[in-house]
N, C-alpha and C. Protein backbone atom coordinates (compact mmCIF):
# COMPACT_ATOMS: atom_id res chain seq x y z
N MET A 1 105.53 66.70 60.94
CA MET A 1 104.27 67.62 61.87
C MET A 1 105.31 68.42 62.59
N ARG A 2 105.14 69.90 63.12
CA ARG A 2 105.95 70.76 63.68
C ARG A 2 104.93 70.88 65.05
N PHE A 3 106.17 71.11 66.16
CA PHE A 3 105.44 71.17 67.57
C PHE A 3 105.86 72.32 67.88
N GLY A 4 105.40 72.88 69.25
CA GLY A 4 105.34 73.66 69.97
C GLY A 4 105.39 75.58 69.46
N VAL A 5 106.43 76.39 69.44
CA VAL A 5 106.85 77.58 69.30
C VAL A 5 107.18 77.56 67.25
N ASN A 6 107.96 76.75 66.68
CA ASN A 6 107.70 76.68 65.13
C ASN A 6 106.33 76.19 64.86
N ALA A 7 105.88 75.84 65.55
CA ALA A 7 104.65 75.11 64.70
C ALA A 7 103.57 76.69 64.42
N ARG A 8 103.73 77.48 65.55
CA ARG A 8 102.85 78.53 65.37
C ARG A 8 103.10 79.51 64.92
N ARG A 9 104.55 79.41 64.49
CA ARG A 9 105.32 80.56 63.65
C ARG A 9 105.21 80.36 62.18
N SER A 10 104.83 79.32 61.78
CA SER A 10 104.80 78.75 60.31
C SER A 10 103.08 79.00 59.92
N HIS A 11 102.29 78.90 61.18
CA HIS A 11 100.65 78.87 60.83
C HIS A 11 100.64 80.30 60.74
N PRO A 12 99.81 80.97 59.86
CA PRO A 12 99.90 82.31 59.75
C PRO A 12 98.93 82.69 61.26
N ALA A 13 97.92 82.45 61.76
CA ALA A 13 96.97 82.38 62.98
C ALA A 13 98.12 82.46 64.22
N GLY A 14 99.05 81.26 63.84
CA GLY A 14 99.84 81.23 65.00
C GLY A 14 100.65 82.93 65.27
N ARG A 15 101.22 83.18 63.85
CA ARG A 15 102.15 84.27 63.90
C ARG A 15 101.26 85.25 64.14
N GLU A 16 100.01 85.71 64.11
CA GLU A 16 99.22 86.79 64.33
C GLU A 16 99.17 86.67 65.66
N ALA A 17 99.20 85.42 66.65
CA ALA A 17 99.01 85.31 67.86
C ALA A 17 99.99 86.10 68.70
N VAL A 18 101.13 85.48 68.18
CA VAL A 18 102.60 86.06 68.38
C VAL A 18 102.64 87.70 68.60
N LEU A 19 102.56 88.13 67.41
CA LEU A 19 102.49 89.39 67.24
C LEU A 19 101.76 90.20 67.65
N ARG A 20 100.57 89.70 68.05
CA ARG A 20 99.41 90.12 69.35
C ARG A 20 100.30 90.07 70.80
N ALA A 21 100.50 88.69 70.97
CA ALA A 21 101.26 88.80 72.44
C ALA A 21 102.07 90.01 72.52
N TYR A 22 103.00 90.39 71.54
CA TYR A 22 104.07 91.40 71.67
C TYR A 22 103.92 92.34 71.74
N LEU A 23 102.67 92.77 70.87
CA LEU A 23 102.14 94.45 71.10
C LEU A 23 101.61 94.32 72.45
N ARG A 24 101.06 94.04 72.78
CA ARG A 24 100.33 93.26 74.60
C ARG A 24 101.72 93.93 75.28
N LEU A 25 102.66 93.28 75.13
CA LEU A 25 104.02 93.49 76.03
C LEU A 25 104.22 94.72 75.54
N ILE A 26 104.73 95.50 74.58
CA ILE A 26 105.11 96.76 74.42
C ILE A 26 104.38 97.42 74.73
N LEU A 27 102.86 97.30 74.46
CA LEU A 27 102.29 98.34 75.10
C LEU A 27 101.94 98.41 76.51
N PHE A 28 101.93 97.62 76.99
CA PHE A 28 102.13 97.44 78.83
C PHE A 28 103.48 98.22 79.51
N ALA A 29 104.28 97.93 78.85
CA ALA A 29 105.89 98.81 78.86
C ALA A 29 105.78 99.81 79.02
N LEU A 30 105.35 100.51 77.67
CA LEU A 30 104.89 101.56 77.10
C LEU A 30 104.31 102.43 78.19
N GLY A 31 102.87 101.97 78.75
CA GLY A 31 102.21 102.39 79.84
C GLY A 31 103.07 101.99 81.32
N LEU A 32 103.22 101.44 81.67
CA LEU A 32 104.46 101.26 82.96
C LEU A 32 105.21 102.24 83.03
N LEU A 33 106.01 102.61 81.45
CA LEU A 33 106.68 103.71 81.98
C LEU A 33 106.42 104.76 81.84
N VAL A 34 105.47 105.23 81.00
CA VAL A 34 104.48 106.59 80.95
C VAL A 34 103.70 106.79 82.66
N GLY A 35 102.95 105.68 82.95
CA GLY A 35 102.54 105.77 84.37
C GLY A 35 103.63 106.24 85.56
N ILE A 36 104.85 105.07 85.62
CA ILE A 36 105.68 105.79 86.49
C ILE A 36 105.84 107.01 87.00
N GLN A 37 105.46 107.73 85.87
CA GLN A 37 105.97 109.23 85.72
C GLN A 37 105.03 110.23 86.35
N ALA A 38 103.91 109.32 86.32
CA ALA A 38 102.64 110.40 86.96
C ALA A 38 103.18 110.86 88.33
N PRO A 39 103.91 110.02 89.27
CA PRO A 39 103.44 110.76 90.39
C PRO A 39 104.84 111.71 90.60
N GLY A 40 106.06 111.65 89.47
CA GLY A 40 107.07 112.46 90.05
C GLY A 40 106.57 113.82 89.41
N PHE A 41 105.92 113.51 87.94
CA PHE A 41 105.22 114.92 87.43
C PHE A 41 104.41 115.37 88.39
N VAL A 42 103.54 114.86 89.07
CA VAL A 42 102.91 115.57 90.01
C VAL A 42 103.53 116.44 90.90
N ASP A 43 104.39 115.75 91.27
CA ASP A 43 105.29 116.28 92.66
C ASP A 43 106.17 117.41 92.25
N GLN A 44 106.43 117.15 90.92
CA GLN A 44 107.19 118.70 90.59
C GLN A 44 106.41 119.72 90.23
N TYR A 45 104.93 119.49 89.92
CA TYR A 45 103.76 120.66 89.41
C TYR A 45 103.82 121.06 91.14
N SER A 46 103.50 120.44 92.00
CA SER A 46 103.26 120.31 92.96
C SER A 46 104.06 121.51 93.68
N LYS A 47 105.66 121.24 93.68
CA LYS A 47 106.21 122.07 94.36
C LYS A 47 106.63 123.78 93.44
N ARG A 48 106.45 123.31 92.31
CA ARG A 48 106.16 124.87 91.22
C ARG A 48 104.90 125.49 91.85
N VAL A 49 103.70 125.44 92.35
CA VAL A 49 102.75 125.73 92.89
C VAL A 49 102.97 126.27 94.08
N SER A 50 103.69 125.54 95.10
CA SER A 50 103.94 125.70 96.21
C SER A 50 105.31 127.11 96.48
N ALA A 51 105.95 127.14 95.12
CA ALA A 51 107.10 128.33 94.86
C ALA A 51 106.28 129.45 94.73
N HIS A 52 105.61 129.17 93.56
CA HIS A 52 104.46 130.48 93.03
C HIS A 52 104.11 131.36 94.45
N TYR A 53 103.23 130.20 95.36
CA TYR A 53 102.18 130.50 96.03
C TYR A 53 102.79 131.56 97.11
N ILE A 54 104.16 130.83 97.20
CA ILE A 54 105.25 131.79 98.66
C ILE A 54 105.68 133.07 98.03
N GLU A 55 106.10 133.19 96.74
CA GLU A 55 106.59 134.60 96.11
C GLU A 55 105.40 135.48 96.06
N ALA A 56 103.78 134.91 95.87
CA ALA A 56 102.67 135.60 95.81
C ALA A 56 102.60 136.42 97.45
N GLN A 57 102.41 135.07 97.95
CA GLN A 57 101.99 136.03 99.43
C GLN A 57 103.24 136.61 99.85
N LYS A 58 104.26 136.80 99.67
CA LYS A 58 105.54 137.59 100.11
C LYS A 58 105.43 139.08 98.98
N ASN A 59 104.86 139.12 98.24
CA ASN A 59 104.59 139.98 97.13
C ASN A 59 103.18 140.80 97.55
N PHE A 60 102.59 140.39 98.33
CA PHE A 60 101.47 140.76 98.31
C PHE A 60 101.26 141.39 99.88
N ALA A 61 102.02 140.69 101.15
CA ALA A 61 102.03 141.04 102.45
C ALA A 61 102.03 142.48 102.83
N GLY A 62 103.16 143.47 101.86
CA GLY A 62 102.84 144.72 102.27
C GLY A 62 101.23 145.22 102.08
N PHE A 63 100.64 145.11 101.09
CA PHE A 63 99.29 145.05 100.94
C PHE A 63 98.00 144.77 101.79
N GLN A 64 98.38 143.64 102.39
CA GLN A 64 97.74 142.66 103.31
C GLN A 64 97.79 143.91 104.35
N ARG A 65 99.08 144.47 105.03
CA ARG A 65 99.40 145.04 106.40
C ARG A 65 98.53 146.10 106.07
N THR A 66 99.21 146.88 104.75
CA THR A 66 98.21 148.19 104.69
C THR A 66 96.32 147.98 104.86
N ALA A 67 96.03 146.69 104.21
CA ALA A 67 94.52 146.42 104.36
C ALA A 67 93.94 146.12 105.93
N ASN A 68 95.00 145.59 106.52
CA ASN A 68 94.66 145.35 108.00
C ASN A 68 94.93 146.32 108.45
N LEU A 69 96.02 147.32 108.59
CA LEU A 69 96.02 148.69 109.27
C LEU A 69 94.86 149.83 108.95
N TYR A 70 94.32 149.64 107.91
CA TYR A 70 93.15 150.73 107.40
C TYR A 70 91.79 150.22 107.41
N PHE A 71 92.09 148.91 106.59
CA PHE A 71 90.65 148.49 106.43
C PHE A 71 89.84 147.25 106.89
N GLY A 72 90.40 147.61 108.16
CA GLY A 72 90.27 145.79 108.74
C GLY A 72 90.49 144.53 108.22
N GLY A 73 91.29 144.64 107.18
CA GLY A 73 91.95 143.67 106.67
C GLY A 73 91.21 143.17 105.44
N SER A 74 90.42 144.30 105.04
CA SER A 74 89.78 143.66 103.52
C SER A 74 90.61 144.60 102.76
N ILE A 75 90.66 143.53 101.62
CA ILE A 75 91.50 143.67 100.56
C ILE A 75 90.83 144.63 99.36
N GLU A 76 89.49 143.94 99.38
CA GLU A 76 88.51 144.84 98.26
C GLU A 76 87.88 146.13 98.73
N ALA A 77 88.16 146.56 100.23
CA ALA A 77 87.89 147.99 100.55
C ALA A 77 89.38 149.05 100.23
N LEU A 78 90.67 147.94 100.30
CA LEU A 78 91.68 148.52 99.90
C LEU A 78 91.71 149.15 98.52
N ILE A 79 91.44 148.14 97.72
CA ILE A 79 91.08 148.24 96.23
C ILE A 79 90.30 149.22 95.81
N ALA A 80 89.45 149.17 96.25
CA ALA A 80 88.20 150.18 96.40
C ALA A 80 88.54 151.65 96.71
N HIS A 81 89.41 152.10 97.65
CA HIS A 81 89.95 153.07 97.95
C HIS A 81 91.06 153.66 96.84
N HIS A 82 91.54 152.64 96.48
CA HIS A 82 93.00 153.64 95.40
C HIS A 82 92.10 153.38 94.39
N GLU A 83 91.01 153.07 93.68
CA GLU A 83 90.31 152.74 92.87
C GLU A 83 89.54 154.36 92.89
N SER A 84 89.03 155.02 93.89
CA SER A 84 88.05 155.80 94.08
C SER A 84 89.28 157.19 94.11
N SER A 85 90.63 157.02 94.33
CA SER A 85 91.65 158.26 94.43
C SER A 85 91.35 159.05 93.23
N SER A 86 91.70 160.34 93.21
CA SER A 86 92.04 161.01 92.21
C SER A 86 93.17 160.85 92.16
N ASP A 87 93.99 160.55 92.28
CA ASP A 87 95.41 160.27 92.11
C ASP A 87 95.76 159.34 90.96
N ALA A 88 96.02 159.66 89.82
CA ALA A 88 96.16 158.36 88.85
C ALA A 88 97.09 157.11 89.29
N VAL A 89 98.10 158.15 90.46
CA VAL A 89 98.99 156.57 90.53
C VAL A 89 98.28 155.48 91.38
N PHE A 90 97.58 155.93 92.43
CA PHE A 90 96.62 155.06 92.77
C PHE A 90 95.78 154.18 92.19
N LYS A 91 95.06 155.02 91.22
CA LYS A 91 94.06 154.27 90.70
C LYS A 91 94.94 152.90 89.69
N ASP A 92 96.10 153.21 88.76
CA ASP A 92 96.44 152.38 88.34
C ASP A 92 97.39 150.90 89.50
N GLU A 93 97.72 151.66 90.43
CA GLU A 93 98.77 150.81 91.49
C GLU A 93 96.74 149.33 92.31
N ALA A 94 95.82 150.21 91.93
CA ALA A 94 94.48 149.17 92.21
C ALA A 94 94.40 147.95 91.26
N LYS A 95 94.55 148.19 89.53
CA LYS A 95 95.08 147.07 89.02
C LYS A 95 95.55 146.36 89.15
N ASN A 96 96.66 146.33 89.70
CA ASN A 96 98.15 145.62 89.99
C ASN A 96 97.79 144.91 91.35
N VAL A 97 97.28 145.51 92.22
CA VAL A 97 96.52 145.07 93.77
C VAL A 97 95.77 143.95 93.18
N ALA A 98 94.58 144.15 92.28
CA ALA A 98 93.88 143.04 92.51
C ALA A 98 94.28 142.10 91.52
N ALA A 99 95.15 142.41 90.62
CA ALA A 99 95.66 140.93 89.72
C ALA A 99 96.54 140.31 90.98
N ILE A 100 97.46 140.67 91.62
CA ILE A 100 98.33 140.08 92.64
C ILE A 100 97.29 139.29 93.69
N TYR A 101 96.02 139.92 94.12
CA TYR A 101 95.08 139.53 95.14
C TYR A 101 94.28 138.35 94.26
N VAL A 102 94.00 138.11 92.77
CA VAL A 102 93.49 137.17 92.25
C VAL A 102 93.95 135.65 92.12
N ARG A 103 95.46 136.47 91.70
CA ARG A 103 96.72 135.23 91.50
C ARG A 103 96.77 134.82 92.85
N LEU A 104 96.76 135.02 93.90
CA LEU A 104 96.99 134.43 95.10
C LEU A 104 95.96 133.82 95.53
N LYS A 105 95.08 134.31 95.41
CA LYS A 105 93.64 133.26 95.70
C LYS A 105 93.54 131.94 94.53
N LYS A 106 93.83 132.12 93.38
CA LYS A 106 93.77 131.08 92.84
C LYS A 106 95.15 130.25 92.61
N LEU A 107 96.38 130.64 93.41
CA LEU A 107 97.40 129.88 93.49
C LEU A 107 97.05 129.04 95.16
N ALA A 108 96.70 129.66 95.86
CA ALA A 108 95.54 129.09 96.91
C ALA A 108 94.75 127.57 97.09
N LEU A 109 93.81 128.13 95.90
CA LEU A 109 93.33 126.85 95.41
C LEU A 109 94.32 125.75 94.82
N GLU A 110 95.59 126.17 94.20
CA GLU A 110 96.05 125.29 93.86
C GLU A 110 96.74 124.51 94.57
N ALA A 111 97.36 125.21 95.37
CA ALA A 111 98.23 124.41 96.74
C ALA A 111 96.93 124.02 97.40
N ASN A 112 95.77 123.91 97.18
CA ASN A 112 94.59 122.91 98.22
C ASN A 112 94.87 121.86 97.47
N ALA A 113 94.60 122.29 96.51
CA ALA A 113 94.64 120.71 95.25
C ALA A 113 95.52 119.93 95.24
N MET A 114 96.66 120.62 95.37
CA MET A 114 97.84 119.49 95.84
C MET A 114 98.11 119.21 97.28
N ASN A 115 97.09 119.02 98.37
CA ASN A 115 97.56 118.90 99.58
C ASN A 115 96.51 117.64 99.63
N ARG A 116 96.13 117.23 98.59
CA ARG A 116 94.97 116.12 98.54
C ARG A 116 95.86 114.73 98.44
N PRO A 117 95.30 113.59 98.17
CA PRO A 117 95.36 112.04 97.93
C PRO A 117 96.26 112.50 96.72
N LEU A 118 97.08 111.44 96.13
CA LEU A 118 97.82 111.03 95.14
C LEU A 118 96.92 110.86 93.71
N TYR A 119 95.64 110.14 94.42
CA TYR A 119 95.08 110.01 92.92
C TYR A 119 94.17 111.30 92.32
N SER A 120 93.71 112.17 93.49
CA SER A 120 93.07 113.76 93.11
C SER A 120 94.01 114.40 92.76
N ARG A 121 95.32 114.21 93.08
CA ARG A 121 96.24 115.49 92.66
C ARG A 121 96.58 115.02 91.00
N ILE A 122 96.70 113.93 90.39
CA ILE A 122 97.01 113.32 89.37
C ILE A 122 95.67 113.88 88.34
N PHE A 123 94.41 113.72 88.95
CA PHE A 123 93.29 113.98 88.03
C PHE A 123 93.53 115.78 88.44
N HIS A 124 93.96 116.06 89.39
CA HIS A 124 93.63 117.90 88.98
C HIS A 124 94.91 118.14 88.06
N VAL A 125 95.70 117.58 87.74
CA VAL A 125 96.96 118.01 87.16
C VAL A 125 96.55 117.52 85.75
N ALA A 126 95.84 116.98 85.52
CA ALA A 126 95.40 115.83 84.09
C ALA A 126 94.25 117.15 83.58
N PHE A 127 93.17 117.63 84.37
CA PHE A 127 92.32 118.31 84.01
C PHE A 127 92.07 119.39 84.23
N TYR A 128 92.56 119.84 85.63
CA TYR A 128 92.36 121.13 85.83
C TYR A 128 93.60 122.12 86.31
N PRO A 129 94.77 122.20 85.26
CA PRO A 129 95.94 122.22 85.78
C PRO A 129 96.15 124.22 85.54
N ASP A 130 96.48 124.74 86.40
CA ASP A 130 97.25 126.13 86.11
C ASP A 130 98.07 125.88 85.04
N GLU A 131 97.46 126.41 83.84
CA GLU A 131 98.24 126.38 82.55
C GLU A 131 99.66 126.56 82.33
N GLU A 132 99.93 128.26 83.00
CA GLU A 132 101.11 128.58 83.29
C GLU A 132 102.19 127.96 83.83
N ILE A 133 101.97 127.30 85.04
CA ILE A 133 102.41 126.26 85.97
C ILE A 133 102.87 124.73 85.12
N LEU A 134 101.33 124.25 84.31
CA LEU A 134 101.66 123.18 83.85
C LEU A 134 103.09 123.20 82.77
N ASN A 135 103.10 124.66 82.16
CA ASN A 135 103.87 124.45 81.12
C ASN A 135 105.19 124.81 81.67
N GLU A 136 105.42 125.56 82.73
CA GLU A 136 106.87 125.55 83.35
C GLU A 136 107.16 124.13 83.67
N THR A 137 105.88 123.38 84.31
CA THR A 137 106.66 121.74 84.55
C THR A 137 106.75 120.96 83.41
N ILE A 138 106.48 120.93 82.68
CA ILE A 138 106.59 120.49 81.32
C ILE A 138 108.21 120.78 81.14
N ALA A 139 108.31 122.07 80.69
CA ALA A 139 109.53 122.51 80.00
C ALA A 139 110.40 122.06 81.15
N ALA A 140 110.49 122.29 82.47
CA ALA A 140 111.41 121.26 83.11
C ALA A 140 111.61 120.45 83.35
N TYR A 141 110.72 119.57 83.31
CA TYR A 141 110.22 117.61 83.55
C TYR A 141 111.73 117.03 83.39
N SER A 142 112.46 116.78 84.62
CA SER A 142 113.11 115.75 84.59
C SER A 142 112.56 114.40 84.94
N TYR A 143 112.73 113.73 84.02
CA TYR A 143 112.59 112.17 84.15
C TYR A 143 112.95 111.30 84.90
N THR A 144 112.08 110.85 85.46
CA THR A 144 112.69 109.69 86.53
C THR A 144 112.36 108.50 86.66
N VAL A 145 112.69 107.15 87.15
CA VAL A 145 112.19 105.91 87.20
C VAL A 145 112.23 105.78 88.94
N PRO A 146 110.90 106.21 89.87
CA PRO A 146 111.25 105.91 91.15
C PRO A 146 110.64 104.39 91.64
N LEU A 147 111.35 104.19 92.17
CA LEU A 147 110.67 102.26 92.53
C LEU A 147 109.81 102.47 94.04
N ASN A 148 109.06 103.78 94.34
CA ASN A 148 108.22 103.83 94.89
C ASN A 148 106.69 102.93 95.01
N GLN A 149 105.85 102.82 96.10
CA GLN A 149 104.85 102.22 95.78
C GLN A 149 103.77 103.04 95.04
N ASP A 150 103.82 104.70 95.19
CA ASP A 150 103.07 105.11 94.10
C ASP A 150 103.18 104.90 93.12
N ALA A 151 104.73 105.05 92.64
CA ALA A 151 105.00 104.84 91.13
C ALA A 151 104.49 103.70 90.31
N ILE A 152 104.84 102.45 91.30
CA ILE A 152 104.67 101.44 91.08
C ILE A 152 103.17 101.26 90.75
N VAL A 153 102.53 101.46 91.39
CA VAL A 153 100.89 101.69 91.26
C VAL A 153 100.20 102.12 90.17
N CYS A 154 100.85 103.12 89.93
CA CYS A 154 100.53 104.40 88.73
C CYS A 154 100.84 103.52 87.40
N GLY A 155 102.25 103.03 87.58
CA GLY A 155 102.44 102.54 86.11
C GLY A 155 101.80 101.34 86.29
N LEU A 156 101.48 100.68 87.04
CA LEU A 156 100.82 99.13 86.80
C LEU A 156 99.33 99.76 86.22
N ILE A 157 98.93 100.62 86.88
CA ILE A 157 97.35 101.09 86.45
C ILE A 157 97.22 101.40 84.83
N ALA A 158 98.27 102.34 84.23
CA ALA A 158 98.32 102.85 83.05
C ALA A 158 98.60 102.08 82.20
N ALA A 159 99.62 101.22 82.60
CA ALA A 159 100.06 99.83 81.98
C ALA A 159 98.66 99.02 81.30
N SER A 160 98.23 98.84 82.39
CA SER A 160 96.62 97.88 82.15
C SER A 160 95.78 98.57 81.25
N LEU A 161 95.90 100.02 81.75
CA LEU A 161 94.50 100.55 81.11
C LEU A 161 94.84 100.81 79.66
N LEU A 162 96.04 101.03 79.27
CA LEU A 162 96.84 101.23 77.84
C LEU A 162 96.57 100.11 77.00
N ALA A 163 96.66 98.49 77.83
CA ALA A 163 96.84 97.57 77.04
C ALA A 163 95.29 97.33 76.85
N ILE A 164 94.26 97.25 77.60
CA ILE A 164 92.76 96.73 77.40
C ILE A 164 92.41 97.75 76.60
N LEU A 165 92.48 98.80 76.32
CA LEU A 165 92.17 100.30 75.65
C LEU A 165 92.64 99.60 74.40
N VAL A 166 93.39 99.38 73.92
CA VAL A 166 94.44 99.29 72.89
C VAL A 166 93.39 97.78 72.12
N GLU A 167 93.97 97.00 73.39
CA GLU A 167 93.29 95.49 72.85
C GLU A 167 91.68 95.68 72.40
N SER A 168 90.93 96.24 73.17
CA SER A 168 89.71 96.31 73.07
C SER A 168 89.32 96.88 71.66
N MET A 169 89.96 98.20 70.98
CA MET A 169 89.66 98.83 69.66
C MET A 169 90.24 97.52 69.06
N LEU A 170 91.27 96.99 69.00
CA LEU A 170 91.73 95.99 67.47
C LEU A 170 90.63 95.18 67.84
N ILE A 171 90.23 94.47 68.75
CA ILE A 171 89.25 93.59 68.81
C ILE A 171 87.89 94.09 67.85
N GLY A 172 87.42 95.25 68.39
CA GLY A 172 86.58 96.24 67.75
C GLY A 172 86.72 96.06 66.11
N ILE A 173 87.63 96.58 65.90
CA ILE A 173 88.12 96.87 64.70
C ILE A 173 88.46 95.54 63.84
N LEU A 174 89.13 94.42 64.42
CA LEU A 174 89.23 93.41 63.57
C LEU A 174 87.59 92.82 63.85
N GLY A 175 86.49 92.58 64.67
CA GLY A 175 85.37 92.07 64.51
C GLY A 175 84.38 92.87 63.47
N LEU A 176 84.69 93.86 63.46
CA LEU A 176 84.04 95.17 62.54
C LEU A 176 84.55 94.34 61.25
N GLY A 177 85.87 94.37 60.55
CA GLY A 177 86.38 93.88 59.25
C GLY A 177 85.56 92.69 59.30
N ARG A 178 85.85 91.72 59.88
CA ARG A 178 85.23 90.19 59.85
C ARG A 178 83.86 90.23 59.79
N LEU A 179 83.09 91.40 60.14
CA LEU A 179 81.34 91.28 59.79
C LEU A 179 81.06 91.93 58.53
N THR A 180 82.30 92.74 58.31
CA THR A 180 82.16 93.31 57.02
C THR A 180 82.41 92.28 55.81
N MET A 181 83.66 91.70 56.04
CA MET A 181 83.78 90.75 54.82
C MET A 181 83.12 89.55 55.00
N SER A 182 82.37 89.01 56.01
CA SER A 182 81.29 87.98 55.90
C SER A 182 80.20 88.62 55.23
N ALA A 183 79.42 90.02 55.50
CA ALA A 183 78.30 90.63 54.82
C ALA A 183 78.76 90.60 53.34
N ALA A 184 79.77 90.68 53.12
CA ALA A 184 80.28 91.02 51.27
C ALA A 184 80.35 89.70 51.06
N ALA A 185 81.05 88.43 51.53
CA ALA A 185 80.79 87.30 51.17
C ALA A 185 78.83 86.53 50.99
N SER A 186 78.39 86.82 52.01
CA SER A 186 77.05 86.56 52.07
C SER A 186 76.31 87.44 50.70
N ALA A 187 76.56 88.39 50.23
CA ALA A 187 75.90 89.29 48.88
C ALA A 187 76.33 88.68 48.15
N ARG A 188 77.58 88.44 48.01
CA ARG A 188 78.13 87.56 46.77
C ARG A 188 77.34 86.09 46.48
N ALA A 189 77.26 85.38 47.70
CA ALA A 189 76.39 84.12 47.16
C ALA A 189 75.03 84.43 47.05
């Protein structure tokens, strides 16, 4: 009679349990590695948002000064004035001013979203990012393994969720398979 680990390995159900345990560990480790990247990725995304926002503010400062001086600070009035001009250069410039203004407002919203708690920033980057900045961040992302509280918590949450999700799917698939085989056996009898 065999005891311990060797007994489990020789019995098919024991091998299945060992394989399932290894699969759980691999999934947990994978989830942990992915999860600890989240705070670093969000930080890099946030820094790109900040850089774009600062640049847009600098590019727009001259137009804002003009709006302050002649239109009581109203950018919309400045754009309308340019659009109504008989000078083709001013009409074309209205489109550029409007585009920069829209981009500045969008970046202001993005910067505001990056000043929220970590879970909110992660959610925002996952579901409502600025596509251009997200693509830049992905292209230039440098993987890190930070050992700070945020990274560890995110890693553990991601690892647990991935392990639970895959385990639940496997249980559902295996349960469905057993139910189908049971129904087939009953039909034959």
